[in-house]
Amino acid sequence: MAMSQDDPDDWLETLMHEAWPGGPPIEELAIARSMSPDRRLVASQRLDGVLDEERGRSLSNAAARLGMDRIAFFRLRQRWKRSRSLRSVVPFMGRAPRKVGHGRQEEAGMALELLKAEGGVVTAPHLADRLVAEASAPMSRQTATRLLREASARLSAGYEELATTLGREALVDFSGTAMRILPEDGGGMLAVCLGVETASRVIVGWAAGPIVRSEAMLLETWRGFEEGFGNVGKSERAFGRLKVILPDVLAAFGAVAFSAVPGGVVDALSDGERRFGRGLVGLLGHRVGRVSLHPRAYSRGEPPIHGSGARTLRIIDAAALMGEAVRDHNLERRVALIDAVSKVDPALAGQLSLQTEGLDHITAVRTVLSAVPSWRDGCDRIAAAAAQAGRCADILAARMSVRIPLQP
């Protein structure tokens, strides 16, 4: 390449424009900007190597330039071809997180049975204590809690369970992350607002930004839910419950305003410092994709001192990384949902797999959910909850315009 390797920033940007002639995706730009200088250099070298195949150059020379043997370079090229993402060429970035239950298959099975007996409620604190007490090998309470969350995710993807629980509740909640915003963008911690359909664990709406934007983030999350899932079913036929953990800025306003939404049940919780993020962690665990969730950090208003992904970024890049994490999470849920269908109707599962391949994450999961006959009532409830989210968004948008708190 003509670009000097002494400037890994410019070199990587040039290579990315070569890899994506129409312009690199915003998620890939965010990944590049989040790398340390040494990671950017490695990414540039490896991306330069894998692109040699598309340039028609000698792959042997590329492998030698990278100090790789033929097998290692072949694997690198295959990873790039499969995902065409910087994560595939940078060491450790593309590696899947270690499964918590690895080596604890017996305890993982016990966790699943305990959850079934409790109706799938993972947040019941005594379950972790029971699992620790009944385990055949010593185990920490933290590990027991994580095993229960993994079991809950597996249970939620069951075909029959979804037929009865799909759409009964959607949770909207806040959490902190380990990402920090650059001072020129306002500084502080990147907070997130996530809307989750609790049965499928699909993220139905989200927003990210500094804590001072919590009110606007809630509005964006509700709008995303309404736009993404309002047409998945018939909102006038059934009602899904919308549970909302309100930020402090709406504590005096929201519980009264949103409880007045007609046609359904909206539960707004506005009391208690520890209310934030507990429901999210119970449903999603402490990570969404590769972004770590830190609910207590949101309560404190400060980012954690240590933590995975603790980097200082432009707000546009931090938000893009969060968007990538939501996308990856939902595409994983798509796979889990199709797997559940395959156990009952392999032909439909195969059809859905082909039909949703390459779709954006919202369209993919929406297509799967609405295509299964026994899930239709659940889809109606999701649509009803999305309609409620739209009504709440209208109320909040009016409040943000006039800034007049609603009193009881």
Protein backbone atom coordinates (compact mmCIF):
# COMPACT_ATOMS: atom_id res chain seq x y z
CA MET A 1 0.00 0.00 0.00
CA ALA A 2 1.11 3.51 -0.66
CA MET A 3 -0.09 4.65 2.76
CA SER A 4 2.61 4.59 5.42
CA GLN A 5 2.21 2.04 8.20
CA ASP A 6 3.60 4.67 10.55
CA ASP A 7 0.14 6.21 10.64
CA PRO A 8 -2.24 3.31 11.48
CA ASP A 9 -5.26 5.61 11.68
CA ASP A 10 -4.97 6.87 8.10
CA TRP A 11 -3.84 3.48 6.81
CA LEU A 12 -6.81 1.66 8.36
CA GLU A 13 -9.27 4.27 7.08
CA THR A 14 -7.88 3.92 3.55
CA LEU A 15 -8.12 0.13 3.70
CA MET A 16 -11.68 0.30 5.01
CA HIS A 17 -12.75 2.44 2.06
CA GLU A 18 -11.17 -0.17 -0.20
CA ALA A 19 -13.02 -2.99 1.60
CA TRP A 20 -16.33 -1.09 1.46
CA PRO A 21 -16.26 0.99 -1.76
CA GLY A 22 -19.63 2.54 -0.91
CA GLY A 23 -18.29 3.70 2.44
CA PRO A 24 -17.60 1.69 5.62
CA PRO A 25 -20.68 0.89 7.75
CA ILE A 26 -21.04 3.16 10.76
CA GLU A 27 -20.64 0.15 13.07
CA GLU A 28 -17.27 -0.69 11.49
CA LEU A 29 -16.10 2.91 11.84
CA ALA A 30 -17.09 2.79 15.49
CA ILE A 31 -15.14 -0.44 16.00
CA ALA A 32 -12.07 1.11 14.37
CA ARG A 33 -12.25 4.25 16.49
CA SER A 34 -12.67 2.22 19.67
CA MET A 35 -9.38 0.34 19.12
CA SER A 36 -6.16 1.17 20.86
CA PRO A 37 -3.28 2.25 18.53
CA ASP A 38 -1.61 -1.18 18.63
CA ARG A 39 -4.91 -2.88 17.75
CA ARG A 40 -5.43 -0.47 14.84
CA LEU A 41 -2.00 -1.35 13.47
CA VAL A 42 -2.74 -5.10 13.69
CA ALA A 43 -6.14 -4.53 12.07
CA SER A 44 -4.52 -2.58 9.24
CA GLN A 45 -1.89 -5.25 8.60
CA ARG A 46 -4.37 -8.10 8.59
CA LEU A 47 -7.00 -6.27 6.55
CA ASP A 48 -4.30 -5.41 4.02
CA GLY A 49 -3.42 -9.11 3.85
CA VAL A 50 -6.94 -10.48 3.34
CA LEU A 51 -7.69 -7.84 0.71
CA ASP A 52 -4.80 -9.13 -1.41
CA GLU A 53 -7.06 -11.93 -2.62
CA GLU A 54 -9.53 -9.36 -3.96
CA ARG A 55 -6.64 -7.45 -5.51
CA GLY A 56 -5.50 -10.59 -7.33
CA ARG A 57 -2.15 -10.67 -5.53
CA SER A 58 -0.13 -13.56 -4.16
CA LEU A 59 -1.60 -14.94 -0.96
CA SER A 60 1.71 -16.57 -0.08
CA ASN A 61 3.33 -13.17 0.04
CA ALA A 62 0.47 -11.83 2.19
CA ALA A 63 0.80 -14.70 4.66
CA ALA A 64 4.57 -14.22 4.90
CA ARG A 65 4.12 -10.47 5.39
CA LEU A 66 1.86 -11.19 8.36
CA GLY A 67 4.16 -13.86 9.79
CA MET A 68 1.44 -16.52 9.48
CA ASP A 69 1.61 -20.08 8.22
CA ARG A 70 -0.75 -21.14 5.43
CA ILE A 71 -3.37 -22.70 7.73
CA ALA A 72 -3.57 -19.67 10.05
CA PHE A 73 -3.85 -17.30 7.09
CA PHE A 74 -6.51 -19.51 5.48
CA ARG A 75 -8.58 -19.32 8.68
CA LEU A 76 -8.16 -15.54 8.79
CA ARG A 77 -9.43 -15.24 5.21
CA GLN A 78 -12.40 -17.52 5.97
CA ARG A 79 -13.41 -15.44 8.99
CA TRP A 80 -13.25 -12.28 6.88
CA LYS A 81 -15.33 -13.85 4.10
CA ARG A 82 -18.00 -14.99 6.55
CA SER A 83 -18.51 -11.73 8.39
CA ARG A 84 -16.64 -9.00 6.48
CA SER A 85 -16.06 -7.15 9.74
CA LEU A 86 -12.99 -5.79 11.49
CA ARG A 87 -13.88 -8.06 14.38
CA SER A 88 -12.89 -11.03 12.21
CA VAL A 89 -9.32 -9.83 11.63
CA VAL A 90 -8.36 -8.41 15.03
CA PRO A 91 -7.18 -10.90 17.68
CA PHE A 92 -9.79 -11.66 20.37
CA MET A 93 -12.36 -9.15 19.06
CA GLY A 94 -14.25 -11.79 17.12
CA ARG A 95 -14.07 -14.46 19.80
CA ALA A 96 -17.39 -15.44 21.32
CA PRO A 97 -17.71 -14.88 25.06
CA ARG A 98 -16.98 -17.96 27.18
CA LYS A 99 -20.10 -19.82 28.18
CA VAL A 100 -20.68 -19.55 31.90
CA GLY A 101 -22.04 -23.07 32.09
CA HIS A 102 -18.99 -24.67 30.44
CA GLY A 103 -17.94 -27.66 32.57
CA ARG A 104 -21.10 -27.41 34.71
CA GLN A 105 -23.60 -29.30 32.60
CA GLU A 106 -25.14 -30.98 35.65
CA GLU A 107 -25.67 -27.66 37.46
CA ALA A 108 -26.99 -26.08 34.25
CA GLY A 109 -29.62 -28.83 34.07
CA MET A 110 -30.51 -28.28 37.73
CA ALA A 111 -30.92 -24.56 37.08
CA LEU A 112 -33.33 -25.30 34.24
CA GLU A 113 -35.43 -27.61 36.43
CA LEU A 114 -35.52 -25.08 39.28
CA LEU A 115 -36.71 -22.38 36.89
CA LYS A 116 -39.44 -24.57 35.46
CA ALA A 117 -40.70 -25.22 38.98
CA GLU A 118 -40.78 -21.45 39.65
CA GLY A 119 -42.55 -20.59 36.41
CA GLY A 120 -39.40 -19.18 34.79
CA VAL A 121 -38.86 -16.30 37.24
CA VAL A 122 -35.08 -15.93 37.29
CA THR A 123 -34.99 -12.99 39.69
CA ALA A 124 -36.23 -14.99 42.70
CA PRO A 125 -33.20 -14.65 45.04
CA HIS A 126 -33.67 -17.99 46.81
CA LEU A 127 -33.08 -19.94 43.57
CA ALA A 128 -29.39 -19.08 43.47
CA ASP A 129 -29.01 -20.16 47.09
CA ARG A 130 -30.77 -23.45 46.36
CA LEU A 131 -28.57 -24.10 43.34
CA VAL A 132 -25.40 -23.46 45.38
CA ALA A 133 -26.64 -25.77 48.14
CA GLU A 134 -27.63 -28.60 45.81
CA ALA A 135 -24.64 -28.43 43.45
CA SER A 136 -22.31 -31.43 43.53
CA ALA A 137 -19.21 -29.19 43.38
CA PRO A 138 -18.45 -25.88 45.13
CA MET A 139 -19.96 -22.93 43.27
CA SER A 140 -20.23 -19.22 43.97
CA ARG A 141 -23.59 -17.49 44.19
CA GLN A 142 -22.55 -15.32 41.22
CA THR A 143 -22.00 -18.41 39.07
CA ALA A 144 -25.33 -19.85 40.22
CA THR A 145 -27.09 -16.62 39.26
CA ARG A 146 -25.51 -16.66 35.81
CA LEU A 147 -26.46 -20.30 35.28
CA LEU A 148 -30.04 -19.42 36.16
CA ARG A 149 -30.01 -16.56 33.64
CA GLU A 150 -28.68 -18.86 30.91
CA ALA A 151 -31.37 -21.39 31.79
CA SER A 152 -33.99 -18.65 31.64
CA ALA A 153 -32.83 -17.69 28.15
CA ARG A 154 -33.12 -21.33 27.03
CA LEU A 155 -36.53 -21.71 28.63
CA SER A 156 -37.77 -18.52 27.00
CA ALA A 157 -37.01 -19.93 23.55
CA GLY A 158 -39.25 -22.97 24.05
CA TYR A 159 -41.96 -23.31 21.41
CA GLU A 160 -44.77 -24.16 23.83
CA GLU A 161 -43.70 -21.61 26.46
CA LEU A 162 -43.76 -18.81 23.92
CA ALA A 163 -47.25 -19.81 22.82
CA THR A 164 -48.55 -18.86 26.28
CA THR A 165 -46.13 -16.13 27.44
CA LEU A 166 -45.21 -14.21 24.28
CA GLY A 167 -46.22 -10.56 24.48
CA ARG A 168 -47.55 -10.65 28.03
CA GLU A 169 -44.99 -8.07 29.15
CA ALA A 170 -42.44 -5.69 27.71
CA LEU A 171 -39.90 -4.05 30.02
CA VAL A 172 -38.38 -0.61 29.45
CA ASP A 173 -35.43 0.04 31.76
CA PHE A 174 -32.16 1.98 32.10
CA SER A 175 -28.57 0.93 32.74
CA GLY A 176 -25.10 2.38 32.71
CA THR A 177 -22.27 0.97 30.59
CA ALA A 178 -18.49 0.98 30.85
CA MET A 179 -18.20 3.33 27.86
CA ARG A 180 -17.27 6.95 28.49
CA ILE A 181 -18.03 9.94 26.29
CA LEU A 182 -15.25 12.30 25.20
CA PRO A 183 -15.20 15.65 27.06
CA GLU A 184 -15.83 17.57 23.84
CA ASP A 185 -19.09 15.58 23.47
CA GLY A 186 -20.15 16.36 27.03
CA GLY A 187 -18.20 13.71 28.92
CA GLY A 188 -19.59 11.27 31.44
CA MET A 189 -20.90 7.76 31.03
CA LEU A 190 -22.86 6.34 28.11
CA ALA A 191 -26.21 5.23 29.51
CA VAL A 192 -28.71 3.05 27.66
CA CYS A 193 -32.47 2.63 27.67
CA LEU A 194 -33.61 -0.79 26.48
CA GLY A 195 -37.07 -2.13 25.72
CA VAL A 196 -37.24 -5.94 25.95
CA GLU A 197 -40.09 -8.33 25.18
CA THR A 198 -39.68 -10.51 28.25
CA ALA A 199 -40.72 -13.90 26.83
CA SER A 200 -38.54 -13.93 23.70
CA ARG A 201 -35.81 -11.64 25.13
CA VAL A 202 -35.90 -9.64 21.88
CA ILE A 203 -34.83 -6.01 22.27
CA VAL A 204 -37.78 -4.12 20.78
CA GLY A 205 -36.44 -0.57 21.22
CA TRP A 206 -33.32 1.16 22.47
CA ALA A 207 -31.50 4.45 22.84
CA ALA A 208 -28.09 5.52 24.15
CA GLY A 209 -26.61 8.78 25.42
CA PRO A 210 -25.54 10.68 28.53
CA ILE A 211 -27.74 10.37 31.62
CA VAL A 212 -28.99 13.93 31.20
CA ARG A 213 -30.77 12.70 28.04
CA SER A 214 -32.69 9.96 29.89
CA GLU A 215 -36.04 11.58 29.17
CA ALA A 216 -35.30 11.79 25.44
CA MET A 217 -33.88 8.25 25.47
CA LEU A 218 -37.12 6.91 26.91
CA LEU A 219 -39.04 8.68 24.15
CA GLU A 220 -36.73 7.22 21.48
CA THR A 221 -37.06 3.71 22.92
CA TRP A 222 -40.85 3.89 22.93
CA ARG A 223 -40.89 5.25 19.37
CA GLY A 224 -38.58 2.45 18.24
CA PHE A 225 -40.85 -0.14 19.84
CA GLU A 226 -43.91 1.36 18.18
CA GLU A 227 -42.29 1.62 14.75
CA GLY A 228 -40.64 -1.80 14.85
CA PHE A 229 -43.42 -3.96 16.30
CA GLY A 230 -46.67 -2.04 15.96
CA ASN A 231 -47.58 -4.06 12.87
CA VAL A 232 -46.49 -7.50 14.09
CA GLY A 233 -50.09 -8.28 15.12
CA LYS A 234 -53.46 -6.63 15.71
CA SER A 235 -53.27 -4.14 18.55
CA GLU A 236 -57.03 -3.95 19.04
CA ARG A 237 -57.42 -7.68 19.80
CA ALA A 238 -55.25 -8.17 22.90
CA PHE A 239 -53.29 -6.18 25.43
CA GLY A 240 -49.71 -6.63 26.50
CA ARG A 241 -48.41 -5.21 29.76
CA LEU A 242 -45.87 -2.40 29.51
CA LYS A 243 -43.58 -2.11 32.54
CA VAL A 244 -41.49 1.06 32.68
CA ILE A 245 -38.68 1.95 35.08
CA LEU A 246 -38.79 5.72 35.08
CA PRO A 247 -35.71 7.97 35.39
CA ASP A 248 -35.57 10.49 38.22
CA VAL A 249 -36.48 13.36 35.90
CA LEU A 250 -39.91 11.75 35.41
CA ALA A 251 -40.45 10.49 38.96
CA ALA A 252 -43.15 13.05 39.83
CA PHE A 253 -44.69 13.06 36.38
CA GLY A 254 -44.69 9.63 34.88
CA ALA A 255 -46.42 7.32 37.33
CA VAL A 256 -49.62 9.35 37.04
CA ALA A 257 -49.35 10.37 33.39
CA PHE A 258 -48.59 6.94 31.96
CA SER A 259 -51.07 5.08 34.16
CA ALA A 260 -53.75 7.10 32.38
CA VAL A 261 -52.96 5.44 29.03
CA PRO A 262 -56.26 3.90 27.86
CA GLY A 263 -56.79 0.38 26.65
CA GLY A 264 -54.08 -1.50 28.53
CA VAL A 265 -51.89 -1.80 31.58
CA VAL A 266 -48.84 0.44 32.01
CA ASP A 267 -46.86 -0.10 35.21
CA ALA A 268 -44.52 2.81 35.91
CA LEU A 269 -41.99 2.39 38.73
CA SER A 270 -40.38 5.62 39.92
CA ASP A 271 -39.20 4.86 43.48
CA GLY A 272 -35.94 3.40 44.76
CA GLU A 273 -32.35 3.97 43.72
CA ARG A 274 -31.84 0.27 42.97
CA ARG A 275 -34.79 0.00 40.60
CA PHE A 276 -32.65 0.59 37.51
CA GLY A 277 -31.32 -2.30 35.45
CA ARG A 278 -32.35 -5.17 37.70
CA GLY A 279 -35.00 -6.36 35.27
CA LEU A 280 -32.64 -5.99 32.31
CA VAL A 281 -29.93 -8.05 33.96
CA GLY A 282 -32.49 -10.69 34.88
CA LEU A 283 -33.51 -11.00 31.23
CA LEU A 284 -30.29 -10.32 29.34
CA GLY A 285 -27.48 -10.94 31.81
CA HIS A 286 -24.71 -8.42 32.28
CA ARG A 287 -23.92 -8.10 28.58
CA VAL A 288 -25.72 -7.18 25.39
CA GLY A 289 -23.52 -8.41 22.59
CA ARG A 290 -20.12 -7.11 23.65
CA VAL A 291 -21.37 -4.16 25.67
CA SER A 292 -21.38 -4.67 29.44
CA LEU A 293 -24.31 -3.39 31.48
CA HIS A 294 -23.69 -1.65 34.83
CA PRO A 295 -27.06 -0.77 36.43
CA ARG A 296 -25.53 0.62 39.64
CA ALA A 297 -23.40 2.98 37.57
CA TYR A 298 -26.60 4.49 36.18
CA SER A 299 -27.94 4.98 39.73
CA ARG A 300 -24.70 6.69 40.78
CA GLY A 301 -24.41 8.70 37.60
CA GLU A 302 -20.78 7.68 37.17
CA PRO A 303 -19.16 5.02 34.98
CA PRO A 304 -17.52 2.02 36.69
CA ILE A 305 -13.83 2.36 37.49
CA HIS A 306 -13.07 -0.91 35.77
CA GLY A 307 -15.00 -2.90 33.23
CA SER A 308 -14.99 -4.59 29.87
CA GLY A 309 -15.25 -2.05 27.07
CA ALA A 310 -14.19 0.83 29.34
CA ARG A 311 -13.08 3.20 26.62
CA THR A 312 -13.61 6.91 25.99
CA LEU A 313 -15.30 7.52 22.64
CA ARG A 314 -17.13 10.06 20.59
CA ILE A 315 -20.80 9.77 21.44
CA ILE A 316 -21.70 8.84 17.85
CA ASP A 317 -19.23 5.94 17.96
CA ALA A 318 -20.34 4.74 21.40
CA ALA A 319 -23.97 4.78 20.27
CA ALA A 320 -23.03 2.90 17.09
CA LEU A 321 -21.31 0.19 19.14
CA MET A 322 -24.46 -0.11 21.25
CA GLY A 323 -26.52 -0.41 18.08
CA GLU A 324 -24.23 -3.18 16.85
CA ALA A 325 -24.63 -4.98 20.20
CA VAL A 326 -28.44 -4.78 19.96
CA ARG A 327 -28.33 -6.07 16.40
CA ASP A 328 -26.11 -9.02 17.33
CA HIS A 329 -28.30 -9.85 20.33
CA ASN A 330 -31.49 -9.86 18.28
CA LEU A 331 -29.96 -11.96 15.52
CA GLU A 332 -28.97 -14.50 18.18
CA ARG A 333 -32.56 -14.47 19.39
CA ARG A 334 -33.69 -15.06 15.80
CA VAL A 335 -31.56 -18.21 15.72
CA ALA A 336 -32.95 -19.37 19.09
CA LEU A 337 -36.54 -18.78 17.95
CA ILE A 338 -36.02 -20.67 14.68
CA ASP A 339 -34.40 -23.50 16.65
CA ALA A 340 -37.53 -23.67 18.84
CA VAL A 341 -39.71 -23.87 15.72
CA SER A 342 -37.51 -26.63 14.25
CA LYS A 343 -38.38 -28.97 17.13
CA VAL A 344 -42.06 -28.82 16.13
CA ASP A 345 -42.12 -27.89 12.43
CA PRO A 346 -38.76 -28.43 10.66
CA ALA A 347 -40.15 -27.37 7.30
CA LEU A 348 -41.36 -24.01 8.65
CA ALA A 349 -38.05 -23.52 10.47
CA GLY A 350 -36.11 -24.10 7.25
CA GLN A 351 -38.37 -21.67 5.41
CA LEU A 352 -37.93 -19.01 8.10
CA SER A 353 -34.18 -19.48 8.14
CA LEU A 354 -33.95 -18.77 4.42
CA GLN A 355 -36.57 -16.03 4.50
CA THR A 356 -34.86 -14.05 7.25
CA GLU A 357 -31.24 -14.54 6.25
CA GLY A 358 -29.69 -11.15 5.57
CA LEU A 359 -32.66 -9.15 6.89
CA ASP A 360 -32.11 -6.39 9.41
CA HIS A 361 -32.48 -7.64 12.98
CA ILE A 362 -35.89 -6.14 13.70
CA THR A 363 -37.45 -7.39 10.47
CA ALA A 364 -35.89 -10.82 11.00
CA VAL A 365 -37.29 -11.44 14.49
CA ARG A 366 -40.61 -9.81 13.62
CA THR A 367 -40.94 -12.16 10.62
CA VAL A 368 -40.20 -15.24 12.72
CA LEU A 369 -42.60 -14.29 15.51
CA SER A 370 -45.49 -13.50 13.18
CA ALA A 371 -45.07 -16.62 11.01
CA VAL A 372 -45.76 -19.23 13.72
CA PRO A 373 -49.51 -19.96 14.03
CA SER A 374 -49.46 -20.74 17.78
CA TRP A 375 -47.63 -17.47 18.48
CA ARG A 376 -50.27 -15.27 16.80
CA ASP A 377 -52.00 -14.29 20.04
CA GLY A 378 -48.63 -13.35 21.48
CA CYS A 379 -47.94 -11.20 18.43
CA ASP A 380 -51.26 -9.43 19.01
CA ARG A 381 -50.16 -8.70 22.58
CA ILE A 382 -46.79 -7.37 21.34
CA ALA A 383 -48.60 -5.10 18.90
CA ALA A 384 -50.84 -3.88 21.73
CA ALA A 385 -47.83 -3.15 23.93
CA ALA A 386 -46.22 -1.30 21.01
CA ALA A 387 -49.37 0.78 20.62
CA GLN A 388 -49.25 1.59 24.34
CA ALA A 389 -45.62 2.61 23.94
CA GLY A 390 -46.71 4.99 21.19
CA ARG A 391 -49.35 6.54 23.44
CA CYS A 392 -46.81 6.95 26.22
CA ALA A 393 -44.42 8.53 23.74
CA ASP A 394 -47.10 11.04 22.74
CA ILE A 395 -47.65 11.97 26.40
CA LEU A 396 -43.91 12.31 27.00
CA ALA A 397 -43.38 14.33 23.81
CA ALA A 398 -46.09 16.78 24.91
CA ARG A 399 -44.52 17.06 28.34
CA MET A 400 -41.09 17.72 26.83
CA SER A 401 -42.57 20.52 24.75
CA VAL A 402 -44.24 22.37 27.60
CA ARG A 403 -42.12 21.12 30.55
CA ILE A 404 -45.08 21.15 32.96
CA PRO A 405 -45.13 18.29 35.47
CA LEU A 406 -48.42 16.47 35.82
CA GLN A 407 -49.57 16.38 39.45
CA PRO A 408 -51.77 13.69 41.01
